[in-house]
Amino acid sequence: LEHRSIGPVKLPPNLAAIQAQYSQQVSQLIRQVSQRAADIIVGSISTALTIVLSLIIGFYLLFDFDRLRTRMFYLVPSNVRGDTLQIVADVSGVFGGYVKGMATVAGIYGVVSIGAFFLLGMVFNNGLRGYALLLGVMAGVLYPVPFLGPILTSLIVTAVALATGAEPLQAL
């Protein structure tokens, strides 16, 4: 009876009142925390398994690629194997040429972008010059992405220009 308050905080007269007041809140908090912890654990385990299995499958596919290709080749009927081999070689050549060409164009685009960002930073006298290399490499990497690459590059460069002190018209 003598200890009904701790400093300015008034204590309830009995333990039942405390339990009634806070039991629902505490149990709900415990449920939420345990649910979040379970979600984090399951998500982490799932991500770890995906990464490990992807690495293992990728390793074995790279290691046995020639044998897999040979076995797949023998699944094709013998009377059309020659034509199939020619078609695969043609498609492989065209696709390889496309990838090489796209990599070349993306590299040139990135180098030109580095120069352009550096010069724009000097002309407008803002901090864009300091980010020219990073933004140019990013522009080269995003170039092959259809539609989104140039849009994302423009948005990021505009945001960096605004953040480094450029006027809104200069940033655009």
Protein backbone atom coordinates (compact mmCIF):
# COMPACT_ATOMS: atom_id res chain seq x y z
CA LEU A 1 0.00 0.00 0.00
CA GLU A 2 2.93 2.32 0.61
CA HIS A 3 4.38 1.92 -2.91
CA ARG A 4 1.50 3.06 -5.10
CA SER A 5 3.68 5.28 -7.28
CA ILE A 6 7.16 5.24 -8.74
CA GLY A 7 8.09 8.85 -9.17
CA PRO A 8 5.30 10.57 -11.10
CA VAL A 9 3.86 7.25 -12.37
CA LYS A 10 0.84 5.95 -10.47
CA LEU A 11 0.69 2.18 -10.18
CA PRO A 12 -2.56 0.23 -10.33
CA PRO A 13 -3.69 -1.25 -7.03
CA ASN A 14 -3.17 -4.89 -8.03
CA LEU A 15 -1.52 -7.18 -10.55
CA ALA A 16 -4.82 -8.14 -12.20
CA ALA A 17 -5.38 -4.56 -13.32
CA ILE A 18 -1.92 -4.44 -14.90
CA GLN A 19 -2.49 -7.76 -16.63
CA ALA A 20 -5.88 -6.70 -17.97
CA GLN A 21 -4.50 -3.40 -19.19
CA TYR A 22 -1.43 -4.66 -21.07
CA SER A 23 -1.90 -8.37 -21.83
CA GLN A 24 -3.65 -7.87 -25.17
CA GLN A 25 -1.07 -5.35 -26.36
CA VAL A 26 1.87 -7.50 -25.29
CA SER A 27 0.47 -10.65 -26.91
CA GLN A 28 -0.22 -8.77 -30.15
CA LEU A 29 3.30 -7.33 -30.12
CA ILE A 30 4.78 -10.79 -29.52
CA ARG A 31 2.74 -12.22 -32.41
CA GLN A 32 3.88 -9.45 -34.77
CA VAL A 33 7.53 -9.78 -33.80
CA SER A 34 7.48 -13.57 -34.14
CA GLN A 35 5.72 -13.34 -37.52
CA ARG A 36 8.30 -10.86 -38.80
CA ALA A 37 11.15 -12.98 -37.48
CA ALA A 38 9.68 -16.08 -39.15
CA ASP A 39 9.25 -14.19 -42.44
CA ILE A 40 12.85 -12.97 -42.30
CA ILE A 41 14.20 -16.44 -41.51
CA VAL A 42 12.15 -18.16 -44.24
CA GLY A 43 13.05 -15.46 -46.77
CA SER A 44 16.74 -15.69 -45.91
CA ILE A 45 16.79 -19.47 -46.16
CA SER A 46 14.90 -19.35 -49.45
CA THR A 47 17.29 -16.78 -50.90
CA ALA A 48 20.33 -18.72 -49.70
CA LEU A 49 19.00 -21.97 -51.21
CA THR A 50 18.25 -20.23 -54.50
CA ILE A 51 21.76 -18.80 -54.69
CA VAL A 52 23.44 -22.09 -53.77
CA LEU A 53 21.33 -24.17 -56.16
CA SER A 54 21.83 -21.64 -58.97
CA LEU A 55 25.60 -21.80 -58.51
CA ILE A 56 25.60 -25.60 -58.43
CA ILE A 57 23.36 -25.93 -61.49
CA GLY A 58 25.35 -23.27 -63.35
CA PHE A 59 28.62 -25.02 -62.53
CA TYR A 60 27.40 -28.39 -63.76
CA LEU A 61 25.86 -26.89 -66.90
CA LEU A 62 29.13 -25.16 -67.74
CA PHE A 63 31.15 -28.25 -66.88
CA ASP A 64 29.01 -30.67 -68.92
CA PHE A 65 27.81 -28.31 -71.66
CA ASP A 66 29.57 -30.16 -74.48
CA ARG A 67 28.17 -33.53 -73.41
CA LEU A 68 24.66 -32.08 -73.01
CA ARG A 69 24.83 -30.48 -76.46
CA THR A 70 26.00 -33.76 -77.99
CA ARG A 71 23.22 -35.72 -76.32
CA MET A 72 20.63 -33.18 -77.42
CA PHE A 73 22.03 -33.41 -80.94
CA TYR A 74 21.46 -37.17 -80.95
CA LEU A 75 17.82 -36.66 -79.96
CA VAL A 76 17.27 -35.13 -83.39
CA PRO A 77 16.42 -37.71 -86.07
CA SER A 78 19.47 -38.73 -88.11
CA ASN A 79 18.01 -37.65 -91.46
CA VAL A 80 17.78 -33.97 -90.37
CA ARG A 81 20.89 -33.69 -88.18
CA GLY A 82 22.91 -31.95 -90.88
CA ASP A 83 20.24 -29.32 -91.45
CA THR A 84 19.79 -28.89 -87.70
CA LEU A 85 23.51 -28.39 -87.20
CA GLN A 86 23.56 -25.77 -89.97
CA ILE A 87 20.56 -23.92 -88.49
CA VAL A 88 22.12 -23.95 -85.01
CA ALA A 89 25.39 -22.62 -86.43
CA ASP A 90 23.57 -19.85 -88.33
CA VAL A 91 21.50 -18.80 -85.31
CA SER A 92 24.56 -18.91 -83.10
CA GLY A 93 26.51 -16.74 -85.54
CA VAL A 94 23.74 -14.17 -85.86
CA PHE A 95 23.12 -14.02 -82.12
CA GLY A 96 26.85 -13.79 -81.36
CA GLY A 97 27.19 -10.99 -83.90
CA TYR A 98 24.26 -9.15 -82.35
CA VAL A 99 25.73 -9.42 -78.85
CA LYS A 100 29.16 -8.25 -80.06
CA GLY A 101 27.61 -5.36 -81.95
CA MET A 102 25.43 -4.31 -79.01
CA ALA A 103 28.43 -4.48 -76.65
CA THR A 104 30.44 -2.32 -79.06
CA VAL A 105 27.68 0.26 -79.44
CA ALA A 106 27.06 0.32 -75.66
CA GLY A 107 30.78 0.83 -75.03
CA ILE A 108 30.98 3.69 -77.52
CA TYR A 109 27.81 5.21 -76.04
CA GLY A 110 29.33 5.02 -72.56
CA VAL A 111 32.62 6.65 -73.65
CA VAL A 112 30.81 9.44 -75.51
CA SER A 113 28.54 9.93 -72.49
CA ILE A 114 31.56 10.28 -70.19
CA GLY A 115 32.94 13.01 -72.45
CA ALA A 116 29.58 14.74 -72.75
CA PHE A 117 28.94 14.72 -69.00
CA PHE A 118 32.45 16.01 -68.31
CA LEU A 119 32.07 18.85 -70.83
CA LEU A 120 28.58 19.73 -69.59
CA GLY A 121 29.95 19.88 -66.05
CA MET A 122 32.67 22.28 -67.20
CA VAL A 123 30.32 24.45 -69.28
CA PHE A 124 27.70 24.83 -66.56
CA ASN A 125 30.30 24.84 -63.79
CA ASN A 126 28.49 22.34 -61.58
CA GLY A 127 29.40 19.08 -59.87
CA LEU A 128 28.29 16.89 -62.78
CA ARG A 129 31.92 16.80 -63.91
CA GLY A 130 32.83 14.80 -60.78
CA TYR A 131 30.28 12.11 -61.63
CA ALA A 132 31.02 11.91 -65.37
CA LEU A 133 32.80 8.54 -65.21
CA LEU A 134 30.14 6.89 -63.05
CA LEU A 135 27.25 8.28 -65.10
CA GLY A 136 28.92 7.38 -68.41
CA VAL A 137 29.53 3.79 -67.35
CA MET A 138 25.94 3.59 -66.10
CA ALA A 139 24.68 4.98 -69.43
CA GLY A 140 26.70 2.37 -71.33
CA VAL A 141 25.39 -0.46 -69.18
CA LEU A 142 21.77 0.69 -69.43
CA TYR A 143 21.93 1.42 -73.18
CA PRO A 144 20.98 -2.11 -74.34
CA VAL A 145 17.84 -2.18 -72.15
CA PRO A 146 14.98 -1.38 -74.54
CA PHE A 147 12.92 1.73 -73.68
CA LEU A 148 13.87 1.77 -69.98
CA GLY A 149 17.63 2.24 -70.46
CA PRO A 150 17.58 5.74 -71.96
CA ILE A 151 14.72 6.84 -69.71
CA LEU A 152 16.47 5.65 -66.54
CA THR A 153 19.75 7.21 -67.69
CA SER A 154 18.05 10.55 -68.32
CA LEU A 155 16.27 10.50 -64.96
CA ILE A 156 19.40 9.59 -63.01
CA VAL A 157 21.58 12.15 -64.79
CA THR A 158 18.94 14.85 -64.21
CA ALA A 159 18.71 13.93 -60.53
CA VAL A 160 22.51 14.00 -60.14
CA ALA A 161 22.73 17.35 -61.94
CA LEU A 162 20.05 18.83 -59.67
CA ALA A 163 21.72 17.38 -56.59
CA THR A 164 25.08 18.87 -57.56
CA GLY A 165 23.73 22.40 -57.89
CA ALA A 166 22.61 22.74 -61.50
CA GLU A 167 19.68 24.92 -62.43
CA PRO A 168 16.57 22.93 -63.45
CA LEU A 169 16.93 23.97 -67.12
CA GLN A 170 20.62 23.07 -67.08
CA ALA A 171 19.83 19.68 -65.57
CA LEU A 172 17.37 18.92 -68.35
